[in-house]
Every structure is written in C-alpha cells, then in structure tokens.
Amino acid sequence: MFGFNLQQAKRHFVKVLTVSFPQREAEQLMRILLEDLFGIDLKRQLMEPNLCIDERQHYLLSEAVRRLLVGEPVQYVTGMARFNDLLIKVSPAVLIPRPETEELVQKICTTLPKEASFRIWDIGTGSGCIAIALAKLFPDAEVIAFDVSDEALQVAKENAESNGVKVTFVHDDVTHPQSDYFNQPVDLVVSNPPYVCDSERAAMEANVLDWEPETALFVPVDDPLRFYRQILALAKTQLNPEGQVWFEINERMGKEMLLLCREMGFAEAEVLEDYVGKQRFCHVCQASRKQ
C-alpha cells in the first residue's frame, strides 16, 4: 500500500520546491497544485491532513514539481487559471491572464448597464478570458472575439463552452482586417494587445520570456502603439455615438496613448491607474465624426 497522506505529501514537495522558491511561495504552489490537479481545495487541505495520496497522484505531483523547478508557470503546469471567478484553460498558445486584466474587466463593468443589449468586440482575445467574463456579466450582449492565432481561438472556444457562455470567435488580423464584423456598428471595443517593447526584455522574468507566446507580448520599439492605432481607426468609423473603447496599456506609454487618441479624432480619453498605481488602462469615448 502506498504510504503518503496529504500532510506528508505537502511537506515533502514543499521542501523540494524550496530549492528554487521561497517557503511561502512553495506552500502556495502546493495549494494550487492540489486544488487544480485533484480538486482538493484549501478548506479540505486543512480539514483532512490524513487524506490518502495514491501512487498516481504522487507521480502527478512529482511531475508537476519537476516542471515548476525548470521555470514553467504553474498555470501551464495545471492547464488552468482563475479569472474573475471563472476557470480558464491555458496553454503556451495563450498568455496567462493577469490581475491587471481582471481589473480592466471590473472597470468596464462600472460604466455599462447590466441589462443592456449591445455589441462588444474583444480584439486579440487569446484565452478568451475578457470576452467570456463580459459575456457572463452581460448576458444580453453580443460578444465577438478576434485573434490571429488558430491555436488561441481553439483554447478560447473551449473556455467559452466550459463556462457556459456564447461568444462568436473570428480568425482575423487587426492590422489587416478582413472580417465583415469589422464593418458593423459596435458599442464596446476592448483589447489587451501586445504592448511590451523589445527593449524591455532584459527586465522581464524568465518564466514569461521562456514560456509565454512572444507574438502576444512584444511590439517593435519603433512602433509600440501599432495595434492601438489600428483598433482606434476601426473604432472611429464603427463606434456608436455612446460607445466606448477600453485598453490595457504599457505603463510607460500613458502620455503617448493620450496623444494618439487625440490625433485619431477622439474627443475624450483618459489613462487610469491599476491597483498598484501604474498607468495601465486607457478609456476612450465620444469619437469625433468630423472628417
């Protein structure tokens, strides 16, 4: 009979993880592995320390810890991430949802009536986390999500299905838009496009650089606002009079974003800070219709 209980397994694997992680982080990683791999939530972990860990579970934990020790993000190890009370499947084809992006969705929610029927574009949807969260929060909305990656769209479709929401997913490149959806009026445009400059690589963590998709992260240093410019060009012609555009942005580009919005003919734009005080969001509305 295999001889590990839950408490012993936690103690063993936390000790292994402390080779590369601080004690508290190692403990948190173990809590995540137990919940996401086996459905043993924190309450059960605390209440049932003698719960049997069988040989298969021990092997899966050993393999997960091995992957963590070589730098793989825990979300890729477990294949899932939490986002605004949703469980989102992730793989190396998509970015791992960030707390800042959760905050973006929360800020959008403060500006829209829950019962309204309106059209939403999520441009560069990745895992689909933004589109799915908005579809869940605004069940009467029509949500259309775009991405250039077929692999990302497959992940996003699975996430929409598992979270019980309807989202229309479209393969398209916003820098060369082809979809007929881009010719329809829209009420809310939201995007968390690539915005990290190549020159910022040196300051980034290895577990991001080595594992997450570069095309979803980086923009050329000589044109860091290229995606925002294209999205604003689409919004200028298709945004309804009371419509809004919301972006997640590079914290170093707040002033440049406001200048771009004015140059693109938008009457109102503001840059907002995230929960740690970084300029992280841009809110645009009331596009000028003057030619």
Protein backbone atom coordinates (compact mmCIF):
# COMPACT_ATOMS: atom_id res chain seq x y z
CA MET A 1 0.00 0.00 0.00
CA PHE A 2 1.31 3.45 -0.95
CA GLY A 3 2.34 5.30 2.21
CA PHE A 4 1.73 9.06 1.75
CA ASN A 5 -1.07 11.11 3.24
CA LEU A 6 -1.89 14.69 2.26
CA GLN A 7 0.12 16.30 5.03
CA GLN A 8 3.20 14.20 4.27
CA ALA A 9 2.95 14.88 0.54
CA LYS A 10 2.67 18.62 1.12
CA ARG A 11 5.65 18.62 3.47
CA HIS A 12 7.77 16.59 1.04
CA PHE A 13 7.03 18.59 -2.10
CA VAL A 14 7.22 21.98 -0.38
CA LYS A 15 10.74 21.00 0.76
CA VAL A 16 11.63 20.08 -2.83
CA LEU A 17 10.23 23.36 -4.15
CA THR A 18 12.20 25.48 -1.67
CA VAL A 19 15.31 24.67 -3.71
CA SER A 20 14.05 27.32 -6.15
CA PHE A 21 11.22 29.17 -4.36
CA PRO A 22 10.81 30.95 -1.02
CA GLN A 23 8.97 28.91 1.60
CA ARG A 24 5.72 30.86 1.38
CA GLU A 25 5.64 30.69 -2.42
CA ALA A 26 6.40 26.96 -2.33
CA GLU A 27 3.46 26.44 0.03
CA GLN A 28 1.18 28.47 -2.23
CA LEU A 29 2.26 26.48 -5.28
CA MET A 30 1.42 23.25 -3.48
CA ARG A 31 -2.03 24.57 -2.55
CA ILE A 32 -2.63 25.40 -6.22
CA LEU A 33 -1.41 22.00 -7.45
CA LEU A 34 -3.61 20.09 -5.04
CA GLU A 35 -6.69 22.11 -5.92
CA ASP A 36 -6.24 22.34 -9.68
CA LEU A 37 -4.91 18.82 -10.29
CA PHE A 38 -7.09 16.90 -7.83
CA GLY A 39 -9.90 19.26 -6.75
CA ILE A 40 -8.68 19.34 -3.13
CA ASP A 41 -9.45 22.92 -2.14
CA LEU A 42 -7.76 24.80 0.69
CA LYS A 43 -10.52 24.04 3.20
CA ARG A 44 -10.21 20.32 2.55
CA GLN A 45 -6.42 20.52 2.68
CA LEU A 46 -6.70 21.99 6.17
CA MET A 47 -9.52 19.74 7.40
CA GLU A 48 -8.26 16.39 6.06
CA PRO A 49 -4.49 16.19 6.60
CA ASN A 50 -4.64 12.38 6.65
CA LEU A 51 -6.33 12.11 3.25
CA CYS A 52 -4.66 9.35 1.26
CA ILE A 53 -2.44 10.37 -1.67
CA ASP A 54 -2.28 7.40 -4.01
CA GLU A 55 0.64 6.41 -6.21
CA ARG A 56 -0.80 8.04 -9.33
CA GLN A 57 -1.39 11.36 -7.54
CA HIS A 58 2.13 11.22 -6.11
CA TYR A 59 3.53 10.72 -9.61
CA LEU A 60 1.49 13.64 -10.99
CA LEU A 61 2.70 15.87 -8.16
CA SER A 62 6.31 14.80 -8.79
CA GLU A 63 5.98 15.65 -12.48
CA ALA A 64 4.29 18.99 -11.73
CA VAL A 65 7.02 19.96 -9.26
CA ARG A 66 9.69 18.99 -11.78
CA ARG A 67 8.12 21.35 -14.33
CA LEU A 68 7.90 24.15 -11.77
CA LEU A 69 11.57 23.75 -10.91
CA VAL A 70 12.61 24.35 -14.53
CA GLY A 71 10.63 27.59 -14.56
CA GLU A 72 7.35 26.62 -16.19
CA PRO A 73 4.47 28.78 -14.87
CA VAL A 74 2.12 26.92 -12.56
CA GLN A 75 -0.85 27.83 -14.78
CA TYR A 76 0.70 25.94 -17.70
CA VAL A 77 1.56 23.04 -15.39
CA THR A 78 -2.05 22.68 -14.24
CA GLY A 79 -3.52 23.86 -17.56
CA MET A 80 -5.79 26.40 -15.94
CA ALA A 81 -6.02 29.87 -14.41
CA ARG A 82 -8.63 31.74 -12.43
CA PHE A 83 -10.04 34.96 -13.85
CA ASN A 84 -12.90 36.95 -12.30
CA ASP A 85 -14.41 33.83 -10.69
CA LEU A 86 -14.04 31.87 -13.93
CA LEU A 87 -11.86 28.85 -14.56
CA ILE A 88 -9.91 29.45 -17.77
CA LYS A 89 -7.96 26.80 -19.65
CA VAL A 90 -4.48 27.99 -20.66
CA SER A 91 -1.64 26.58 -22.74
CA PRO A 92 1.58 28.01 -24.18
CA ALA A 93 -0.54 29.16 -27.15
CA VAL A 94 -2.08 31.91 -24.97
CA LEU A 95 -0.98 34.39 -22.36
CA ILE A 96 -1.74 33.61 -18.74
CA PRO A 97 -4.49 36.02 -17.57
CA ARG A 98 -3.15 38.70 -15.26
CA PRO A 99 -4.74 40.51 -12.27
CA GLU A 100 -4.44 43.76 -14.23
CA THR A 101 -6.69 42.32 -16.93
CA GLU A 102 -9.21 41.28 -14.29
CA GLU A 103 -9.17 44.88 -13.13
CA LEU A 104 -9.78 46.04 -16.70
CA VAL A 105 -12.98 43.98 -16.83
CA GLN A 106 -14.04 45.33 -13.44
CA LYS A 107 -13.55 48.93 -14.60
CA ILE A 108 -15.57 48.29 -17.76
CA CYS A 109 -18.42 46.92 -15.66
CA THR A 110 -18.77 50.18 -13.75
CA THR A 111 -19.61 52.03 -16.99
CA LEU A 112 -22.24 49.72 -18.52
CA PRO A 113 -25.83 48.79 -17.58
CA LYS A 114 -26.11 45.05 -16.85
CA GLU A 115 -29.38 44.56 -18.73
CA ALA A 116 -28.48 46.45 -21.91
CA SER A 117 -28.28 44.76 -25.29
CA PHE A 118 -25.14 45.86 -27.08
CA ARG A 119 -22.29 44.60 -29.26
CA ILE A 120 -18.78 44.01 -27.89
CA TRP A 121 -15.53 43.44 -29.77
CA ASP A 122 -12.63 41.81 -27.91
CA ILE A 123 -9.62 42.21 -30.17
CA GLY A 124 -6.70 39.85 -29.54
CA THR A 125 -8.75 37.56 -27.31
CA GLY A 126 -6.07 34.95 -26.53
CA SER A 127 -7.58 32.57 -23.97
CA GLY A 128 -10.89 34.39 -24.33
CA CYS A 129 -10.83 35.49 -20.69
CA ILE A 130 -12.04 39.06 -21.33
CA ALA A 131 -14.74 38.10 -23.82
CA ILE A 132 -16.01 35.27 -21.64
CA ALA A 133 -16.05 37.38 -18.48
CA LEU A 134 -18.01 40.11 -20.28
CA ALA A 135 -20.41 37.59 -21.81
CA LYS A 136 -21.03 36.19 -18.32
CA LEU A 137 -21.56 39.64 -16.80
CA PHE A 138 -23.68 40.98 -19.67
CA PRO A 139 -25.82 38.06 -20.86
CA ASP A 140 -27.81 40.22 -23.29
CA ALA A 141 -24.69 41.44 -25.10
CA GLU A 142 -23.40 40.10 -28.42
CA VAL A 143 -19.72 39.35 -27.88
CA ILE A 144 -17.37 38.92 -30.83
CA ALA A 145 -13.75 37.95 -30.13
CA PHE A 146 -10.92 38.16 -32.66
CA ASP A 147 -7.46 36.63 -32.76
CA VAL A 148 -4.81 35.92 -35.37
CA SER A 149 -3.86 32.57 -33.81
CA ASP A 150 -5.89 29.46 -34.62
CA GLU A 151 -4.43 27.72 -31.57
CA ALA A 152 -5.52 30.55 -29.28
CA LEU A 153 -9.01 30.56 -30.77
CA GLN A 154 -9.36 26.83 -30.11
CA VAL A 155 -8.45 27.38 -26.45
CA ALA A 156 -10.86 30.33 -26.25
CA LYS A 157 -13.72 28.31 -27.77
CA GLU A 158 -13.20 25.55 -25.21
CA ASN A 159 -13.22 28.14 -22.44
CA ALA A 160 -16.48 29.69 -23.64
CA GLU A 161 -18.10 26.26 -23.74
CA SER A 162 -16.85 25.19 -20.31
CA ASN A 163 -18.02 28.48 -18.78
CA GLY A 164 -21.44 28.29 -20.42
CA VAL A 165 -21.41 31.48 -22.48
CA LYS A 166 -21.96 32.32 -26.12
CA VAL A 167 -19.12 34.17 -27.85
CA THR A 168 -18.51 34.43 -31.60
CA PHE A 169 -14.84 33.74 -32.32
CA VAL A 170 -13.28 35.10 -35.51
CA HIS A 171 -9.86 34.49 -37.03
CA ASP A 172 -8.56 37.86 -38.22
CA ASP A 173 -5.52 40.12 -38.04
CA VAL A 174 -6.44 43.58 -36.82
CA THR A 175 -3.53 45.09 -38.75
CA HIS A 176 -5.12 43.79 -41.98
CA PRO A 177 -8.80 43.38 -41.03
CA GLN A 178 -10.91 41.23 -43.34
CA SER A 179 -13.93 40.20 -41.28
CA ASP A 180 -17.37 41.60 -42.09
CA TYR A 181 -17.86 42.03 -38.34
CA PHE A 182 -15.48 44.98 -38.52
CA ASN A 183 -17.98 46.71 -40.84
CA GLN A 184 -20.77 46.56 -38.25
CA PRO A 185 -21.53 49.18 -35.59
CA VAL A 186 -20.16 48.40 -32.13
CA ASP A 187 -20.84 49.69 -28.61
CA LEU A 188 -17.79 48.50 -26.71
CA VAL A 189 -14.31 47.76 -28.04
CA VAL A 190 -11.87 46.18 -25.60
CA SER A 191 -8.33 45.00 -26.19
CA ASN A 192 -5.26 43.86 -24.32
CA PRO A 193 -2.93 43.77 -27.33
CA PRO A 194 0.82 43.15 -27.40
CA TYR A 195 2.46 46.20 -25.82
CA VAL A 196 5.86 45.18 -24.41
CA CYS A 197 8.74 46.75 -26.33
CA ASP A 198 11.61 44.52 -27.41
CA SER A 199 13.90 46.79 -25.40
CA GLU A 200 12.12 45.72 -22.18
CA ARG A 201 13.06 42.04 -22.49
CA ALA A 202 16.01 42.33 -20.12
CA ALA A 203 13.75 43.40 -17.25
CA MET A 204 11.27 40.53 -17.67
CA GLU A 205 11.09 37.30 -15.70
CA ALA A 206 12.45 34.16 -17.34
CA ASN A 207 9.21 32.24 -16.76
CA VAL A 208 7.46 34.78 -19.01
CA LEU A 209 10.13 35.02 -21.69
CA ASP A 210 10.76 31.29 -21.89
CA TRP A 211 7.16 30.08 -21.86
CA GLU A 212 4.56 32.64 -22.96
CA PRO A 213 3.92 33.37 -26.68
CA GLU A 214 6.12 36.18 -27.95
CA THR A 215 3.59 37.33 -30.55
CA ALA A 216 1.12 38.10 -27.76
CA LEU A 217 3.69 40.09 -25.79
CA PHE A 218 6.05 42.13 -27.92
CA VAL A 219 5.88 45.09 -30.29
CA PRO A 220 8.70 46.76 -32.21
CA VAL A 221 10.39 49.54 -30.28
CA ASP A 222 9.98 51.86 -33.28
CA ASP A 223 6.17 51.41 -33.37
CA PRO A 224 4.94 50.38 -29.91
CA LEU A 225 1.37 51.66 -30.46
CA ARG A 226 0.75 49.92 -33.77
CA PHE A 227 -2.15 47.78 -32.53
CA TYR A 228 -3.81 50.63 -30.66
CA ARG A 229 -3.63 52.81 -33.76
CA GLN A 230 -5.33 50.17 -35.91
CA ILE A 231 -8.02 49.44 -33.33
CA LEU A 232 -8.79 53.13 -32.90
CA ALA A 233 -9.04 53.50 -36.68
CA LEU A 234 -11.70 50.77 -36.74
CA ALA A 235 -13.48 52.23 -33.74
CA LYS A 236 -13.55 55.70 -35.25
CA THR A 237 -15.77 54.55 -38.11
CA GLN A 238 -17.81 51.87 -36.34
CA LEU A 239 -18.24 53.01 -32.73
CA ASN A 240 -21.78 54.07 -31.86
CA PRO A 241 -22.20 57.62 -30.52
CA GLU A 242 -22.33 56.50 -26.88
CA GLY A 243 -19.77 53.76 -27.41
CA GLN A 244 -16.52 53.19 -25.51
CA VAL A 245 -13.05 51.78 -26.09
CA TRP A 246 -11.05 50.22 -23.27
CA PHE A 247 -7.39 49.21 -23.49
CA GLU A 248 -4.79 47.65 -21.28
CA ILE A 249 -1.57 49.56 -21.97
CA ASN A 250 2.14 49.67 -21.28
CA GLU A 251 2.63 51.62 -18.04
CA ARG A 252 5.30 53.74 -19.77
CA MET A 253 3.02 54.80 -22.64
CA GLY A 254 0.25 56.77 -20.93
CA LYS A 255 1.10 60.14 -22.43
CA GLU A 256 1.72 58.64 -25.85
CA MET A 257 -1.68 56.90 -25.73
CA LEU A 258 -3.50 60.14 -24.95
CA LEU A 259 -1.70 61.89 -27.78
CA LEU A 260 -2.60 59.07 -30.16
CA CYS A 261 -6.27 59.26 -29.17
CA ARG A 262 -6.36 63.00 -29.88
CA GLU A 263 -4.58 62.52 -33.20
CA MET A 264 -7.14 59.86 -34.15
CA GLY A 265 -10.01 62.29 -33.56
CA PHE A 266 -11.40 61.08 -30.24
CA ALA A 267 -12.87 63.84 -28.11
CA GLU A 268 -12.40 62.16 -24.74
CA ALA A 269 -9.68 59.86 -23.46
CA GLU A 270 -8.23 59.18 -20.04
CA VAL A 271 -5.47 57.00 -18.64
CA LEU A 272 -6.28 55.18 -15.41
CA GLU A 273 -4.06 53.54 -12.83
CA ASP A 274 -4.18 49.92 -11.75
CA TYR A 275 -4.31 48.65 -8.17
CA VAL A 276 -0.58 49.27 -7.65
CA GLY A 277 -0.64 52.80 -9.08
CA LYS A 278 0.73 52.08 -12.57
CA GLN A 279 -0.79 53.74 -15.63
CA ARG A 280 -2.36 50.59 -17.02
CA PHE A 281 -5.66 51.41 -18.75
CA CYS A 282 -6.92 53.80 -21.39
CA HIS A 283 -10.62 54.66 -21.64
CA VAL A 284 -11.80 56.33 -24.85
CA CYS A 285 -15.26 57.58 -25.75
CA GLN A 286 -17.22 60.05 -27.89
CA ALA A 287 -15.37 59.63 -31.16
CA SER A 288 -15.49 62.70 -33.32
CA ARG A 289 -17.35 62.14 -36.60
CA LYS A 290 -15.74 65.13 -38.28
CA GLN A 291 -13.87 64.39 -41.49
